[in-house]
Amino acid sequence: MNETKLADTVALVRAKHFGANEETFASNAFQVAVSEPGAVERAMHEQASLAAALEDAGVNIAWLNPPEHSHSPDGVFPNNWFSTHEDGRLVLYPMEAPSRRSERLPDFADSLRMQGFHVAETIDFSDRERDVRFLEGTGSLVLDRVNQIVYACPSSRTDIALAHEWAERLGYREVVEFRAQDPSGRAVYHTNVVMSLGAGLAIICFEAIPVQKVRDRLRHRLEESGLAILEISWQQVKAFAGNQLFLQGRDGPVVALSATANASLREEQKTLLDRHAARCVADIATIERHGGGSVRCMLAEIFLPRTNGGVHLV
């Protein structure tokens, strides 16, 4: 299996029903469980601003409409229900919150084909929901696509045994498991809250890993893979500095991050980040506050081969 380093196309789902989701509040300590008036309009504006910034950097945007039957307030986070791969495989994932399961688009593979993408196979793990086993896409799994390594921290939304099954099915050679928690001892709900990876750099919060031996092992594994390390604090995690996404822009690698995350970084951290990718910053404060996720969660990478160059999904 040989995947490209960075995607040049991402999908966003229009925030038609955005708001706080009471079903996910128990596991997501980052969201505010109250929706303010006008949140939908502000979220849609924030999405448009993020898309414009990415397009200015040369990243292609594929817009998706949520399914007509779905009113999930978390529909803006499509990376939890699907991922795509350079060999033409589309993967669907089991999600913990019942309201979120309606976010999966019916006949999605056919829609992708109609828009000029080659889908060779659909791998559907969503039936694991019947067994109360969850694995929420590239929220649960941080992928080193170059070295075929999966990084994952267990939580109610991330079944590690299922992560191993995923790795075997997708041809990844190793699953690196590490436990991560907030200062109160609560498990971090998604791995991509504390870790981002791409363009030769790993952004990681070692402070969230309570066992020193596990921290040391993870650091060694990242360095062994040839990655530089940008270490962030828990306070920066709370500002979504761990939730960044590396992409392929017109002039080289770019990294998408929120204005909140960018403001939390120290100058020396920005300098290290800038050595690996050009920062693409957008203010998405409403989505962060009520959704409990940031830029990386909003963007589902499209690695599928193109058959006719199409990238605009409807």
C-alpha atoms as a PDB file:
ATOM      1  CA  MET A   1       0.000   0.000   0.000  1.00  0.00           C
ATOM      2  CA  ASN A   2       1.571   3.304  -1.092  1.00  0.00           C
ATOM      3  CA  GLU A   3      -0.320   6.463  -0.185  1.00  0.00           C
ATOM      4  CA  THR A   4       0.599  10.023  -1.055  1.00  0.00           C
ATOM      5  CA  LYS A   5       1.727  12.245   1.769  1.00  0.00           C
ATOM      6  CA  LEU A   6      -0.918  14.970   1.617  1.00  0.00           C
ATOM      7  CA  ALA A   7      -4.354  15.445   0.072  1.00  0.00           C
ATOM      8  CA  ASP A   8      -4.996  18.382  -2.265  1.00  0.00           C
ATOM      9  CA  THR A   9      -8.781  18.081  -1.923  1.00  0.00           C
ATOM     10  CA  VAL A  10     -11.011  18.166   1.166  1.00  0.00           C
ATOM     11  CA  ALA A  11     -14.737  17.758   1.707  1.00  0.00           C
ATOM     12  CA  LEU A  12     -16.820  20.042   3.903  1.00  0.00           C
ATOM     13  CA  VAL A  13     -20.444  19.434   4.887  1.00  0.00           C
ATOM     14  CA  ARG A  14     -22.617  22.537   4.957  1.00  0.00           C
ATOM     15  CA  ALA A  15     -23.592  23.520   8.503  1.00  0.00           C
ATOM     16  CA  LYS A  16     -27.355  23.588   7.898  1.00  0.00           C
ATOM     17  CA  HIS A  17     -28.233  22.094  11.286  1.00  0.00           C
ATOM     18  CA  PHE A  18     -25.243  23.111  13.370  1.00  0.00           C
ATOM     19  CA  GLY A  19     -25.456  23.367  17.141  1.00  0.00           C
ATOM     20  CA  ALA A  20     -24.403  21.743  20.396  1.00  0.00           C
ATOM     21  CA  ASN A  21     -25.143  18.019  20.589  1.00  0.00           C
ATOM     22  CA  GLU A  22     -26.292  16.820  24.003  1.00  0.00           C
ATOM     23  CA  GLU A  23     -25.578  13.202  23.023  1.00  0.00           C
ATOM     24  CA  THR A  24     -21.861  13.874  22.615  1.00  0.00           C
ATOM     25  CA  PHE A  25     -21.395  16.198  25.570  1.00  0.00           C
ATOM     26  CA  ALA A  26     -20.642  13.321  27.969  1.00  0.00           C
ATOM     27  CA  SER A  27     -17.462  12.340  26.102  1.00  0.00           C
ATOM     28  CA  ASN A  28     -16.456  15.694  24.567  1.00  0.00           C
ATOM     29  CA  ALA A  29     -15.255  18.115  27.222  1.00  0.00           C
ATOM     30  CA  PHE A  30     -14.467  20.776  24.614  1.00  0.00           C
ATOM     31  CA  GLN A  31     -18.013  21.694  23.630  1.00  0.00           C
ATOM     32  CA  VAL A  32     -20.503  24.026  25.275  1.00  0.00           C
ATOM     33  CA  ALA A  33     -23.854  22.247  25.551  1.00  0.00           C
ATOM     34  CA  VAL A  34     -25.916  25.325  24.695  1.00  0.00           C
ATOM     35  CA  SER A  35     -26.662  26.624  21.208  1.00  0.00           C
ATOM     36  CA  GLU A  36     -26.811  30.384  20.824  1.00  0.00           C
ATOM     37  CA  PRO A  37     -29.227  32.203  18.499  1.00  0.00           C
ATOM     38  CA  GLY A  38     -27.668  32.668  15.085  1.00  0.00           C
ATOM     39  CA  ALA A  39     -25.173  29.826  15.567  1.00  0.00           C
ATOM     40  CA  VAL A  40     -26.103  28.198  12.256  1.00  0.00           C
ATOM     41  CA  GLU A  41     -25.535  31.389  10.270  1.00  0.00           C
ATOM     42  CA  ARG A  42     -22.228  32.070  12.017  1.00  0.00           C
ATOM     43  CA  ALA A  43     -21.073  28.491  11.503  1.00  0.00           C
ATOM     44  CA  MET A  44     -21.853  28.669   7.788  1.00  0.00           C
ATOM     45  CA  HIS A  45     -19.943  31.940   7.539  1.00  0.00           C
ATOM     46  CA  GLU A  46     -16.990  30.371   9.357  1.00  0.00           C
ATOM     47  CA  GLN A  47     -17.043  27.410   6.980  1.00  0.00           C
ATOM     48  CA  ALA A  48     -17.039  29.731   3.972  1.00  0.00           C
ATOM     49  CA  SER A  49     -14.091  31.681   5.390  1.00  0.00           C
ATOM     50  CA  LEU A  50     -12.126  28.473   5.963  1.00  0.00           C
ATOM     51  CA  ALA A  51     -12.919  27.257   2.452  1.00  0.00           C
ATOM     52  CA  ALA A  52     -11.832  30.593   0.947  1.00  0.00           C
ATOM     53  CA  ALA A  53      -8.532  30.519   2.838  1.00  0.00           C
ATOM     54  CA  LEU A  54      -7.838  26.971   1.663  1.00  0.00           C
ATOM     55  CA  GLU A  55      -8.738  27.777  -1.931  1.00  0.00           C
ATOM     56  CA  ASP A  56      -6.415  30.797  -1.817  1.00  0.00           C
ATOM     57  CA  ALA A  57      -3.674  28.355  -0.837  1.00  0.00           C
ATOM     58  CA  GLY A  58      -4.516  26.073  -3.759  1.00  0.00           C
ATOM     59  CA  VAL A  59      -6.486  23.377  -1.914  1.00  0.00           C
ATOM     60  CA  ASN A  60      -9.590  22.074  -3.719  1.00  0.00           C
ATOM     61  CA  ILE A  61     -12.908  22.159  -1.850  1.00  0.00           C
ATOM     62  CA  ALA A  62     -15.660  19.568  -2.317  1.00  0.00           C
ATOM     63  CA  TRP A  63     -18.886  20.801  -0.723  1.00  0.00           C
ATOM     64  CA  LEU A  64     -21.393  18.239   0.545  1.00  0.00           C
ATOM     65  CA  ASN A  65     -24.987  18.775   1.604  1.00  0.00           C
ATOM     66  CA  PRO A  66     -26.133  16.801   4.659  1.00  0.00           C
ATOM     67  CA  PRO A  67     -28.684  14.050   3.954  1.00  0.00           C
ATOM     68  CA  GLU A  68     -32.254  15.340   3.884  1.00  0.00           C
ATOM     69  CA  HIS A  69     -33.253  13.001   6.701  1.00  0.00           C
ATOM     70  CA  SER A  70     -30.385  14.086   8.961  1.00  0.00           C
ATOM     71  CA  HIS A  71     -30.579  16.963  11.414  1.00  0.00           C
ATOM     72  CA  SER A  72     -27.392  16.079  13.256  1.00  0.00           C
ATOM     73  CA  PRO A  73     -25.815  19.218  14.746  1.00  0.00           C
ATOM     74  CA  ASP A  74     -22.390  17.575  14.307  1.00  0.00           C
ATOM     75  CA  GLY A  75     -22.710  17.137  10.552  1.00  0.00           C
ATOM     76  CA  VAL A  76     -19.898  19.665  10.052  1.00  0.00           C
ATOM     77  CA  PHE A  77     -17.411  16.983  11.174  1.00  0.00           C
ATOM     78  CA  PRO A  78     -17.455  14.488   8.265  1.00  0.00           C
ATOM     79  CA  ASN A  79     -14.020  13.010   8.996  1.00  0.00           C
ATOM     80  CA  ASN A  80     -15.692  10.894  11.677  1.00  0.00           C
ATOM     81  CA  TRP A  81     -17.904   8.924   9.293  1.00  0.00           C
ATOM     82  CA  PHE A  82     -15.698   8.412   6.244  1.00  0.00           C
ATOM     83  CA  SER A  83     -12.146   8.346   4.986  1.00  0.00           C
ATOM     84  CA  THR A  84     -10.729   7.855   1.500  1.00  0.00           C
ATOM     85  CA  HIS A  85      -7.506   6.282   0.276  1.00  0.00           C
ATOM     86  CA  GLU A  86      -5.283   6.593  -2.759  1.00  0.00           C
ATOM     87  CA  ASP A  87      -5.937   3.021  -3.868  1.00  0.00           C
ATOM     88  CA  GLY A  88      -9.614   3.892  -4.413  1.00  0.00           C
ATOM     89  CA  ARG A  89     -11.023   2.605  -1.140  1.00  0.00           C
ATOM     90  CA  LEU A  90     -13.769   4.409   0.767  1.00  0.00           C
ATOM     91  CA  VAL A  91     -14.167   3.510   4.454  1.00  0.00           C
ATOM     92  CA  LEU A  92     -17.302   4.083   6.552  1.00  0.00           C
ATOM     93  CA  TYR A  93     -17.115   4.153  10.340  1.00  0.00           C
ATOM     94  CA  PRO A  94     -19.256   3.287  13.400  1.00  0.00           C
ATOM     95  CA  MET A  95     -20.141   6.317  15.530  1.00  0.00           C
ATOM     96  CA  GLU A  96     -21.118   6.400  19.178  1.00  0.00           C
ATOM     97  CA  ALA A  97     -23.935   8.986  19.145  1.00  0.00           C
ATOM     98  CA  PRO A  98     -27.129   7.683  17.456  1.00  0.00           C
ATOM     99  CA  SER A  99     -27.871  11.170  16.108  1.00  0.00           C
ATOM    100  CA  ARG A 100     -24.574  11.186  14.237  1.00  0.00           C
ATOM    101  CA  ARG A 101     -25.212   7.948  12.353  1.00  0.00           C
ATOM    102  CA  SER A 102     -27.653   9.758  10.097  1.00  0.00           C
ATOM    103  CA  GLU A 103     -24.769  11.891   8.764  1.00  0.00           C
ATOM    104  CA  ARG A 104     -23.610   9.105   6.447  1.00  0.00           C
ATOM    105  CA  LEU A 105     -24.703   9.976   2.922  1.00  0.00           C
ATOM    106  CA  PRO A 106     -26.747   7.269   1.172  1.00  0.00           C
ATOM    107  CA  ASP A 107     -25.051   5.875  -1.946  1.00  0.00           C
ATOM    108  CA  PHE A 108     -22.000   7.995  -1.185  1.00  0.00           C
ATOM    109  CA  ALA A 109     -19.686   5.886  -3.342  1.00  0.00           C
ATOM    110  CA  ASP A 110     -21.945   6.415  -6.366  1.00  0.00           C
ATOM    111  CA  SER A 111     -22.050  10.157  -5.684  1.00  0.00           C
ATOM    112  CA  LEU A 112     -18.256  10.264  -5.614  1.00  0.00           C
ATOM    113  CA  ARG A 113     -18.060   8.356  -8.888  1.00  0.00           C
ATOM    114  CA  MET A 114     -20.527  10.738 -10.521  1.00  0.00           C
ATOM    115  CA  GLN A 115     -18.291  13.633  -9.498  1.00  0.00           C
ATOM    116  CA  GLY A 116     -15.215  12.150 -11.144  1.00  0.00           C
ATOM    117  CA  PHE A 117     -13.592  10.086  -8.395  1.00  0.00           C
ATOM    118  CA  HIS A 118     -12.659   6.424  -8.689  1.00  0.00           C
ATOM    119  CA  VAL A 119     -14.069   4.288  -5.859  1.00  0.00           C
ATOM    120  CA  ALA A 120     -12.771   0.736  -6.212  1.00  0.00           C
ATOM    121  CA  GLU A 121     -14.200  -0.621  -2.959  1.00  0.00           C
ATOM    122  CA  THR A 122     -16.279   0.454   0.032  1.00  0.00           C
ATOM    123  CA  ILE A 123     -15.263  -0.966   3.400  1.00  0.00           C
ATOM    124  CA  ASP A 124     -18.104  -0.537   5.856  1.00  0.00           C
ATOM    125  CA  PHE A 125     -17.420  -0.862   9.578  1.00  0.00           C
ATOM    126  CA  SER A 126     -20.688   0.843  10.558  1.00  0.00           C
ATOM    127  CA  ASP A 127     -22.356  -2.465  11.449  1.00  0.00           C
ATOM    128  CA  ARG A 128     -20.135  -2.566  14.558  1.00  0.00           C
ATOM    129  CA  GLU A 129     -22.556  -0.072  16.088  1.00  0.00           C
ATOM    130  CA  ARG A 130     -24.833  -3.052  16.818  1.00  0.00           C
ATOM    131  CA  ASP A 131     -22.054  -4.457  19.015  1.00  0.00           C
ATOM    132  CA  VAL A 132     -21.505  -1.099  20.754  1.00  0.00           C
ATOM    133  CA  ARG A 133     -18.043  -0.794  19.205  1.00  0.00           C
ATOM    134  CA  PHE A 134     -17.006   2.542  17.758  1.00  0.00           C
ATOM    135  CA  LEU A 135     -14.174   3.916  15.656  1.00  0.00           C
ATOM    136  CA  GLU A 136     -14.759   7.472  14.507  1.00  0.00           C
ATOM    137  CA  GLY A 137     -12.646   7.840  11.401  1.00  0.00           C
ATOM    138  CA  THR A 138      -9.663  10.145  11.396  1.00  0.00           C
ATOM    139  CA  GLY A 139     -10.843  11.544  14.706  1.00  0.00           C
ATOM    140  CA  SER A 140     -10.016   8.213  16.340  1.00  0.00           C
ATOM    141  CA  LEU A 141      -7.155   7.363  13.992  1.00  0.00           C
ATOM    142  CA  VAL A 142      -4.231   9.667  13.257  1.00  0.00           C
ATOM    143  CA  LEU A 143      -2.630   8.187  10.155  1.00  0.00           C
ATOM    144  CA  ASP A 144       0.982   8.235   9.077  1.00  0.00           C
ATOM    145  CA  ARG A 145       0.141   7.434   5.468  1.00  0.00           C
ATOM    146  CA  VAL A 146       3.787   7.444   4.425  1.00  0.00           C
ATOM    147  CA  ASN A 147       4.961   4.819   6.936  1.00  0.00           C
ATOM    148  CA  GLN A 148       1.558   3.071   7.228  1.00  0.00           C
ATOM    149  CA  ILE A 149       1.335   3.572  10.985  1.00  0.00           C
ATOM    150  CA  VAL A 150      -1.875   4.234  12.931  1.00  0.00           C
ATOM    151  CA  TYR A 151      -1.814   6.266  16.159  1.00  0.00           C
ATOM    152  CA  ALA A 152      -4.813   5.875  18.458  1.00  0.00           C
ATOM    153  CA  CYS A 153      -5.762   6.555  22.064  1.00  0.00           C
ATOM    154  CA  PRO A 154      -8.624   4.468  23.511  1.00  0.00           C
ATOM    155  CA  SER A 155     -11.901   6.056  24.543  1.00  0.00           C
ATOM    156  CA  SER A 156     -15.605   5.311  24.349  1.00  0.00           C
ATOM    157  CA  ARG A 157     -15.387   6.430  20.705  1.00  0.00           C
ATOM    158  CA  THR A 158     -12.179   4.557  19.834  1.00  0.00           C
ATOM    159  CA  ASP A 159     -12.171   0.768  20.114  1.00  0.00           C
ATOM    160  CA  ILE A 160      -8.515  -0.278  19.939  1.00  0.00           C
ATOM    161  CA  ALA A 161      -9.276  -3.845  18.876  1.00  0.00           C
ATOM    162  CA  LEU A 162     -11.281  -2.405  15.993  1.00  0.00           C
ATOM    163  CA  ALA A 163      -8.366  -0.101  15.163  1.00  0.00           C
ATOM    164  CA  HIS A 164      -6.193  -3.199  14.767  1.00  0.00           C
ATOM    165  CA  GLU A 165      -8.835  -4.765  12.544  1.00  0.00           C
ATOM    166  CA  TRP A 166      -8.904  -1.568  10.472  1.00  0.00           C
ATOM    167  CA  ALA A 167      -5.110  -1.588  10.108  1.00  0.00           C
ATOM    168  CA  GLU A 168      -5.063  -5.189   8.939  1.00  0.00           C
ATOM    169  CA  ARG A 169      -7.829  -4.561   6.409  1.00  0.00           C
ATOM    170  CA  LEU A 170      -6.254  -1.358   5.051  1.00  0.00           C
ATOM    171  CA  GLY A 171      -2.713  -2.722   4.933  1.00  0.00           C
ATOM    172  CA  TYR A 172      -1.207  -0.566   7.683  1.00  0.00           C
ATOM    173  CA  ARG A 173       1.674  -2.288   9.406  1.00  0.00           C
ATOM    174  CA  GLU A 174       1.417  -1.018  12.967  1.00  0.00           C
ATOM    175  CA  VAL A 175      -1.009   0.435  15.513  1.00  0.00           C
ATOM    176  CA  VAL A 176       0.632   2.631  18.134  1.00  0.00           C
ATOM    177  CA  GLU A 177      -1.685   2.845  21.130  1.00  0.00           C
ATOM    178  CA  PHE A 178      -1.305   5.429  23.877  1.00  0.00           C
ATOM    179  CA  ARG A 179      -3.639   6.559  26.628  1.00  0.00           C
ATOM    180  CA  ALA A 180      -4.363  10.290  26.764  1.00  0.00           C
ATOM    181  CA  GLN A 181      -6.392  12.174  29.333  1.00  0.00           C
ATOM    182  CA  ASP A 182      -7.219  15.649  30.543  1.00  0.00           C
ATOM    183  CA  PRO A 183      -5.936  16.976  33.904  1.00  0.00           C
ATOM    184  CA  SER A 184      -8.982  15.499  35.686  1.00  0.00           C
ATOM    185  CA  GLY A 185      -8.197  12.002  34.382  1.00  0.00           C
ATOM    186  CA  ARG A 186     -10.960  11.951  31.767  1.00  0.00           C
ATOM    187  CA  ALA A 187     -10.044  10.101  28.566  1.00  0.00           C
ATOM    188  CA  VAL A 188      -9.476  12.271  25.501  1.00  0.00           C
ATOM    189  CA  TYR A 189     -12.366  11.422  23.207  1.00  0.00           C
ATOM    190  CA  HIS A 190     -10.486  11.620  19.875  1.00  0.00           C
ATOM    191  CA  THR A 191      -6.806  11.088  19.130  1.00  0.00           C
ATOM    192  CA  ASN A 192      -6.734  14.076  16.760  1.00  0.00           C
ATOM    193  CA  VAL A 193      -7.413  16.406  19.696  1.00  0.00           C
ATOM    194  CA  VAL A 194      -3.899  15.787  21.037  1.00  0.00           C
ATOM    195  CA  MET A 195      -2.040  14.856  17.857  1.00  0.00           C
ATOM    196  CA  SER A 196      -1.608  16.016  14.242  1.00  0.00           C
ATOM    197  CA  LEU A 197       0.816  14.607  11.722  1.00  0.00           C
ATOM    198  CA  GLY A 198       2.047  15.517   8.247  1.00  0.00           C
ATOM    199  CA  ALA A 199       4.732  17.179   6.122  1.00  0.00           C
ATOM    200  CA  GLY A 200       7.474  15.625   8.236  1.00  0.00           C
ATOM    201  CA  LEU A 201       6.134  17.022  11.521  1.00  0.00           C
ATOM    202  CA  ALA A 202       4.226  15.563  14.472  1.00  0.00           C
ATOM    203  CA  ILE A 203       2.280  17.924  16.740  1.00  0.00           C
ATOM    204  CA  ILE A 204       1.751  16.150  20.056  1.00  0.00           C
ATOM    205  CA  CYS A 205       0.746  16.856  23.651  1.00  0.00           C
ATOM    206  CA  PHE A 206       2.918  14.572  25.784  1.00  0.00           C
ATOM    207  CA  GLU A 207       1.462  16.279  28.865  1.00  0.00           C
ATOM    208  CA  ALA A 208      -1.825  14.455  28.168  1.00  0.00           C
ATOM    209  CA  ILE A 209      -0.114  11.054  28.385  1.00  0.00           C
ATOM    210  CA  PRO A 210       0.072  10.151  32.095  1.00  0.00           C
ATOM    211  CA  VAL A 211       2.684   7.372  31.926  1.00  0.00           C
ATOM    212  CA  GLN A 212       6.247   8.519  31.299  1.00  0.00           C
ATOM    213  CA  LYS A 213       7.264   5.209  29.733  1.00  0.00           C
ATOM    214  CA  VAL A 214       4.449   5.556  27.191  1.00  0.00           C
ATOM    215  CA  ARG A 215       5.511   9.148  26.432  1.00  0.00           C
ATOM    216  CA  ASP A 216       9.078   8.023  25.832  1.00  0.00           C
ATOM    217  CA  ARG A 217       7.996   5.136  23.618  1.00  0.00           C
ATOM    218  CA  LEU A 218       5.745   7.395  21.535  1.00  0.00           C
ATOM    219  CA  ARG A 219       8.462  10.020  21.147  1.00  0.00           C
ATOM    220  CA  HIS A 220      10.909   7.353  20.023  1.00  0.00           C
ATOM    221  CA  ARG A 221       8.428   5.937  17.500  1.00  0.00           C
ATOM    222  CA  LEU A 222       7.811   9.356  15.976  1.00  0.00           C
ATOM    223  CA  GLU A 223      11.500  10.163  15.756  1.00  0.00           C
ATOM    224  CA  GLU A 224      12.221   6.707  14.331  1.00  0.00           C
ATOM    225  CA  SER A 225       9.726   7.530  11.559  1.00  0.00           C
ATOM    226  CA  GLY A 226      11.769  10.601  10.657  1.00  0.00           C
ATOM    227  CA  LEU A 227       9.343  13.154  12.098  1.00  0.00           C
ATOM    228  CA  ALA A 228      10.262  16.383  13.821  1.00  0.00           C
ATOM    229  CA  ILE A 229       8.218  16.992  16.969  1.00  0.00           C
ATOM    230  CA  LEU A 230       6.310  20.121  17.946  1.00  0.00           C
ATOM    231  CA  GLU A 231       5.280  19.629  21.549  1.00  0.00           C
ATOM    232  CA  ILE A 232       2.185  21.462  22.793  1.00  0.00           C
ATOM    233  CA  SER A 233       0.760  21.927  26.290  1.00  0.00           C
ATOM    234  CA  TRP A 234      -2.649  20.921  27.583  1.00  0.00           C
ATOM    235  CA  GLN A 235      -3.681  24.583  27.567  1.00  0.00           C
ATOM    236  CA  GLN A 236      -2.851  24.666  23.864  1.00  0.00           C
ATOM    237  CA  VAL A 237      -4.854  21.474  23.334  1.00  0.00           C
ATOM    238  CA  LYS A 238      -7.833  23.286  24.877  1.00  0.00           C
ATOM    239  CA  ALA A 239      -7.241  25.973  22.227  1.00  0.00           C
ATOM    240  CA  PHE A 240      -7.343  23.232  19.533  1.00  0.00           C
ATOM    241  CA  ALA A 241      -3.651  23.493  18.687  1.00  0.00           C
ATOM    242  CA  GLY A 242      -3.567  19.697  18.345  1.00  0.00           C
ATOM    243  CA  ASN A 243      -6.374  19.702  15.789  1.00  0.00           C
ATOM    244  CA  GLN A 244      -4.524  20.830  12.667  1.00  0.00           C
ATOM    245  CA  LEU A 245      -4.480  19.288   9.182  1.00  0.00           C
ATOM    246  CA  PHE A 246      -1.583  19.195   6.734  1.00  0.00           C
ATOM    247  CA  LEU A 247      -2.581  19.458   3.070  1.00  0.00           C
ATOM    248  CA  GLN A 248      -1.013  19.932  -0.341  1.00  0.00           C
ATOM    249  CA  GLY A 249      -1.349  23.482  -1.562  1.00  0.00           C
ATOM    250  CA  ARG A 250      -0.462  25.160  -4.824  1.00  0.00           C
ATOM    251  CA  ASP A 251       3.084  25.991  -3.726  1.00  0.00           C
ATOM    252  CA  GLY A 252       3.728  23.145  -1.299  1.00  0.00           C
ATOM    253  CA  PRO A 253       2.456  21.880   2.050  1.00  0.00           C
ATOM    254  CA  VAL A 254      -0.027  23.987   3.990  1.00  0.00           C
ATOM    255  CA  VAL A 255      -1.388  23.434   7.464  1.00  0.00           C
ATOM    256  CA  ALA A 256      -4.973  24.390   8.261  1.00  0.00           C
ATOM    257  CA  LEU A 257      -5.615  25.593  11.799  1.00  0.00           C
ATOM    258  CA  SER A 258      -8.027  27.838  13.623  1.00  0.00           C
ATOM    259  CA  ALA A 259      -7.386  31.384  14.758  1.00  0.00           C
ATOM    260  CA  THR A 260      -7.800  30.121  18.337  1.00  0.00           C
ATOM    261  CA  ALA A 261      -5.093  27.504  17.824  1.00  0.00           C
ATOM    262  CA  ASN A 262      -2.795  29.916  16.024  1.00  0.00           C
ATOM    263  CA  ALA A 263      -3.058  32.499  18.809  1.00  0.00           C
ATOM    264  CA  SER A 264      -2.119  29.869  21.395  1.00  0.00           C
ATOM    265  CA  LEU A 265       1.196  28.997  19.739  1.00  0.00           C
ATOM    266  CA  ARG A 266       4.427  30.536  20.973  1.00  0.00           C
ATOM    267  CA  GLU A 267       6.706  32.222  18.437  1.00  0.00           C
ATOM    268  CA  GLU A 268       9.242  29.388  18.465  1.00  0.00           C
ATOM    269  CA  GLN A 269       6.435  26.902  17.828  1.00  0.00           C
ATOM    270  CA  LYS A 270       5.202  28.950  14.887  1.00  0.00           C
ATOM    271  CA  THR A 271       8.738  29.074  13.530  1.00  0.00           C
ATOM    272  CA  LEU A 272       9.008  25.274  13.653  1.00  0.00           C
ATOM    273  CA  LEU A 273       5.572  24.852  12.086  1.00  0.00           C
ATOM    274  CA  ASP A 274       6.455  27.303   9.306  1.00  0.00           C
ATOM    275  CA  ARG A 275       9.514  25.238   8.391  1.00  0.00           C
ATOM    276  CA  HIS A 276       7.195  22.394   7.404  1.00  0.00           C
ATOM    277  CA  ALA A 277       4.075  24.080   6.009  1.00  0.00           C
ATOM    278  CA  ALA A 278       2.495  27.458   5.301  1.00  0.00           C
ATOM    279  CA  ARG A 279      -0.134  28.309   7.896  1.00  0.00           C
ATOM    280  CA  CYS A 280      -3.710  28.664   6.639  1.00  0.00           C
ATOM    281  CA  VAL A 281      -5.695  30.272   9.464  1.00  0.00           C
ATOM    282  CA  ALA A 282      -9.461  30.749   9.819  1.00  0.00           C
ATOM    283  CA  ASP A 283     -11.648  31.990  12.677  1.00  0.00           C
ATOM    284  CA  ILE A 284     -14.136  29.221  13.503  1.00  0.00           C
ATOM    285  CA  ALA A 285     -14.870  30.154  17.116  1.00  0.00           C
ATOM    286  CA  THR A 286     -18.596  29.302  16.940  1.00  0.00           C
ATOM    287  CA  ILE A 287     -17.942  25.811  15.612  1.00  0.00           C
ATOM    288  CA  GLU A 288     -15.232  25.214  18.205  1.00  0.00           C
ATOM    289  CA  ARG A 289     -17.355  26.459  21.101  1.00  0.00           C
ATOM    290  CA  HIS A 290     -20.565  24.565  20.359  1.00  0.00           C
ATOM    291  CA  GLY A 291     -19.234  21.627  18.345  1.00  0.00           C
ATOM    292  CA  GLY A 292     -16.177  20.868  20.446  1.00  0.00           C
ATOM    293  CA  GLY A 293     -14.076  20.281  17.328  1.00  0.00           C
ATOM    294  CA  SER A 294     -11.847  22.398  15.150  1.00  0.00           C
ATOM    295  CA  VAL A 295     -10.398  22.624  11.652  1.00  0.00           C
ATOM    296  CA  ARG A 296      -9.112  19.092  11.316  1.00  0.00           C
ATOM    297  CA  CYS A 297     -12.508  17.672  12.330  1.00  0.00           C
ATOM    298  CA  MET A 298     -14.246  19.792   9.685  1.00  0.00           C
ATOM    299  CA  LEU A 299     -12.120  18.549   6.791  1.00  0.00           C
ATOM    300  CA  ALA A 300     -12.368  15.059   5.290  1.00  0.00           C
ATOM    301  CA  GLU A 301      -9.439  14.449   2.960  1.00  0.00           C
ATOM    302  CA  ILE A 302     -10.149  13.114  -0.540  1.00  0.00           C
ATOM    303  CA  PHE A 303      -7.310  10.847  -1.645  1.00  0.00           C
ATOM    304  CA  LEU A 304      -9.331   9.022  -4.317  1.00  0.00           C
ATOM    305  CA  PRO A 305      -7.951   8.976  -7.873  1.00  0.00           C
ATOM    306  CA  ARG A 306      -9.774  11.309 -10.256  1.00  0.00           C
ATOM    307  CA  THR A 307     -11.331   9.979 -13.458  1.00  0.00           C
ATOM    308  CA  ASN A 308     -12.349  13.304 -15.013  1.00  0.00           C
ATOM    309  CA  GLY A 309     -10.966  15.991 -12.733  1.00  0.00           C
ATOM    310  CA  GLY A 310     -14.202  16.699 -10.873  1.00  0.00           C
ATOM    311  CA  VAL A 311     -13.990  18.016  -7.320  1.00  0.00           C
ATOM    312  CA  HIS A 312     -17.221  19.907  -6.672  1.00  0.00           C
ATOM    313  CA  LEU A 313     -19.718  17.687  -4.869  1.00  0.00           C
ATOM    314  CA  VAL A 314     -23.319  18.686  -4.224  1.00  0.00           C
END
